[in-house]
C-alpha atoms as a PDB file:
ATOM      1  CA  MET A   1       0.000   0.000   0.000  1.00  0.00           C
ATOM      2  CA  THR A   2       1.126   3.573  -0.470  1.00  0.00           C
ATOM      3  CA  TYR A   3       2.414   5.669   2.415  1.00  0.00           C
ATOM      4  CA  GLU A   4      -0.756   7.782   2.347  1.00  0.00           C
ATOM      5  CA  ASP A   5      -2.958   4.668   2.341  1.00  0.00           C
ATOM      6  CA  PHE A   6      -0.994   3.348   5.304  1.00  0.00           C
ATOM      7  CA  LEU A   7      -1.558   6.550   7.288  1.00  0.00           C
ATOM      8  CA  ASP A   8      -5.263   6.407   6.388  1.00  0.00           C
ATOM      9  CA  GLU A   9      -5.380   2.811   7.640  1.00  0.00           C
ATOM     10  CA  VAL A  10      -3.768   3.766  10.963  1.00  0.00           C
ATOM     11  CA  THR A  11      -6.263   6.623  11.321  1.00  0.00           C
ATOM     12  CA  THR A  12      -9.211   4.362  10.521  1.00  0.00           C
ATOM     13  CA  LEU A  13      -8.029   1.739  13.003  1.00  0.00           C
ATOM     14  CA  LEU A  14      -7.747   4.375  15.734  1.00  0.00           C
ATOM     15  CA  THR A  15     -11.364   5.386  15.169  1.00  0.00           C
ATOM     16  CA  GLU A  16     -12.570   1.774  15.066  1.00  0.00           C
ATOM     17  CA  MET A  17     -10.508   0.290  17.894  1.00  0.00           C
ATOM     18  CA  TYR A  18     -10.676   3.171  20.364  1.00  0.00           C
ATOM     19  CA  ASP A  19     -13.876   4.954  19.347  1.00  0.00           C
ATOM     20  CA  LEU A  20     -11.972   8.169  18.659  1.00  0.00           C
ATOM     21  CA  ASP A  21     -13.607  10.750  16.465  1.00  0.00           C
ATOM     22  CA  ASP A  22     -11.944  11.438  13.130  1.00  0.00           C
ATOM     23  CA  GLU A  23     -10.375  14.690  14.305  1.00  0.00           C
ATOM     24  CA  ALA A  24      -8.684  13.074  17.323  1.00  0.00           C
ATOM     25  CA  ALA A  25      -7.394  10.142  15.267  1.00  0.00           C
ATOM     26  CA  ILE A  26      -6.058  12.446  12.573  1.00  0.00           C
ATOM     27  CA  LYS A  27      -4.325  14.572  15.208  1.00  0.00           C
ATOM     28  CA  LEU A  28      -2.607  11.511  16.680  1.00  0.00           C
ATOM     29  CA  VAL A  29      -1.327  10.459  13.256  1.00  0.00           C
ATOM     30  CA  VAL A  30      -0.274  13.981  12.235  1.00  0.00           C
ATOM     31  CA  ASP A  31       1.542  14.511  15.549  1.00  0.00           C
ATOM     32  CA  ALA A  32       3.320  11.169  15.150  1.00  0.00           C
ATOM     33  CA  GLN A  33       4.247  12.081  11.614  1.00  0.00           C
ATOM     34  CA  ALA A  34       5.633  15.430  12.795  1.00  0.00           C
ATOM     35  CA  ALA A  35       7.729  13.544  15.357  1.00  0.00           C
ATOM     36  CA  ASP A  36       9.141  11.374  12.524  1.00  0.00           C
ATOM     37  CA  TYR A  37       7.424   8.242  13.845  1.00  0.00           C
ATOM     38  CA  PHE A  38       6.568   7.093  10.320  1.00  0.00           C
ATOM     39  CA  VAL A  39       9.874   7.850   8.550  1.00  0.00           C
ATOM     40  CA  ALA A  40      10.805   4.167   8.287  1.00  0.00           C
ATOM     41  CA  HIS A  41       7.356   3.380   6.897  1.00  0.00           C
ATOM     42  CA  ASP A  42       7.871   5.943   4.156  1.00  0.00           C
ATOM     43  CA  ASP A  43      11.245   4.441   3.244  1.00  0.00           C
ATOM     44  CA  GLN A  44      10.356   0.739   3.585  1.00  0.00           C
ATOM     45  CA  GLU A  45       7.279  -0.453   1.741  1.00  0.00           C
ATOM     46  CA  GLU A  46       7.268  -3.753   3.663  1.00  0.00           C
ATOM     47  CA  LEU A  47       6.287  -1.808   6.802  1.00  0.00           C
ATOM     48  CA  ARG A  48       3.095  -0.578   5.149  1.00  0.00           C
ATOM     49  CA  THR A  49       0.780  -3.479   5.936  1.00  0.00           C
ATOM     50  CA  VAL A  50      -2.565  -3.743   7.689  1.00  0.00           C
ATOM     51  CA  ALA A  51      -0.918  -5.756  10.477  1.00  0.00           C
ATOM     52  CA  GLN A  52       1.723  -3.053  10.982  1.00  0.00           C
ATOM     53  CA  ALA A  53      -0.948  -0.352  10.869  1.00  0.00           C
ATOM     54  CA  LYS A  54      -2.739  -2.106  13.733  1.00  0.00           C
ATOM     55  CA  LEU A  55       0.484  -2.317  15.762  1.00  0.00           C
ATOM     56  CA  ASP A  56       1.181   1.354  15.143  1.00  0.00           C
ATOM     57  CA  ALA A  57      -2.373   2.379  16.017  1.00  0.00           C
ATOM     58  CA  VAL A  58      -2.064   0.566  19.354  1.00  0.00           C
ATOM     59  CA  ALA A  59       1.356   2.100  20.009  1.00  0.00           C
ATOM     60  CA  LEU A  60       0.166   5.635  19.221  1.00  0.00           C
ATOM     61  CA  TYR A  61      -2.937   5.303  21.370  1.00  0.00           C
ATOM     62  CA  GLU A  62      -1.077   3.803  24.327  1.00  0.00           C
ATOM     63  CA  SER A  63       1.615   6.451  24.074  1.00  0.00           C
ATOM     64  CA  LYS A  64      -1.043   9.165  24.183  1.00  0.00           C
ATOM     65  CA  GLN A  65      -2.711   7.519  27.186  1.00  0.00           C
ATOM     66  CA  ASN A  66       0.628   7.301  29.007  1.00  0.00           C
ATOM     67  CA  ARG A  67       1.356  10.988  28.315  1.00  0.00           C
ATOM     68  CA  ASN A  68      -2.088  11.948  29.607  1.00  0.00           C
ATOM     69  CA  GLN A  69      -1.622   9.881  32.762  1.00  0.00           C
ATOM     70  CA  THR A  70       1.805  11.416  33.410  1.00  0.00           C
ATOM     71  CA  GLN A  71       0.391  14.914  32.985  1.00  0.00           C
ATOM     72  CA  ARG A  72      -2.441  14.184  35.421  1.00  0.00           C
ATOM     73  CA  LYS A  73       0.012  12.880  38.016  1.00  0.00           C
ATOM     74  CA  GLN A  74       2.232  15.932  37.601  1.00  0.00           C
ATOM     75  CA  GLN A  75      -0.757  18.225  38.044  1.00  0.00           C
ATOM     76  CA  GLN A  76      -1.828  16.336  41.175  1.00  0.00           C
ATOM     77  CA  ARG A  77       1.664  16.732  42.650  1.00  0.00           C
ATOM     78  CA  GLN A  78       1.579  20.453  41.957  1.00  0.00           C
ATOM     79  CA  VAL A  79      -1.773  20.778  43.731  1.00  0.00           C
ATOM     80  CA  GLN A  80      -0.452  18.767  46.697  1.00  0.00           C
ATOM     81  CA  LYS A  81       2.646  20.978  46.929  1.00  0.00           C
ATOM     82  CA  LYS A  82       0.452  24.095  47.055  1.00  0.00           C
ATOM     83  CA  LYS A  83      -1.660  22.588  49.854  1.00  0.00           C
ATOM     84  CA  ALA A  84       1.332  21.506  51.958  1.00  0.00           C
ATOM     85  CA  PRO A  85       2.272  23.993  54.732  1.00  0.00           C
END
């Protein structure tokens, strides 16, 4: 599949697997692309498969969830520091 088709597949899988709306899924893929996550996929056609798209969709979603969780914990620590005498 082409590079663009591969990115579309990852986006579609994000919406189907995690019930994300199109805008959120597109943002995840665009942000990953901006961070050069998909450079190898562009260079190596063998990485552009449906199976790889599913692996990448899972990895992108889990990475986003981990970032969100870390941010929440950091915010909680900041609130606790402000409350401490």
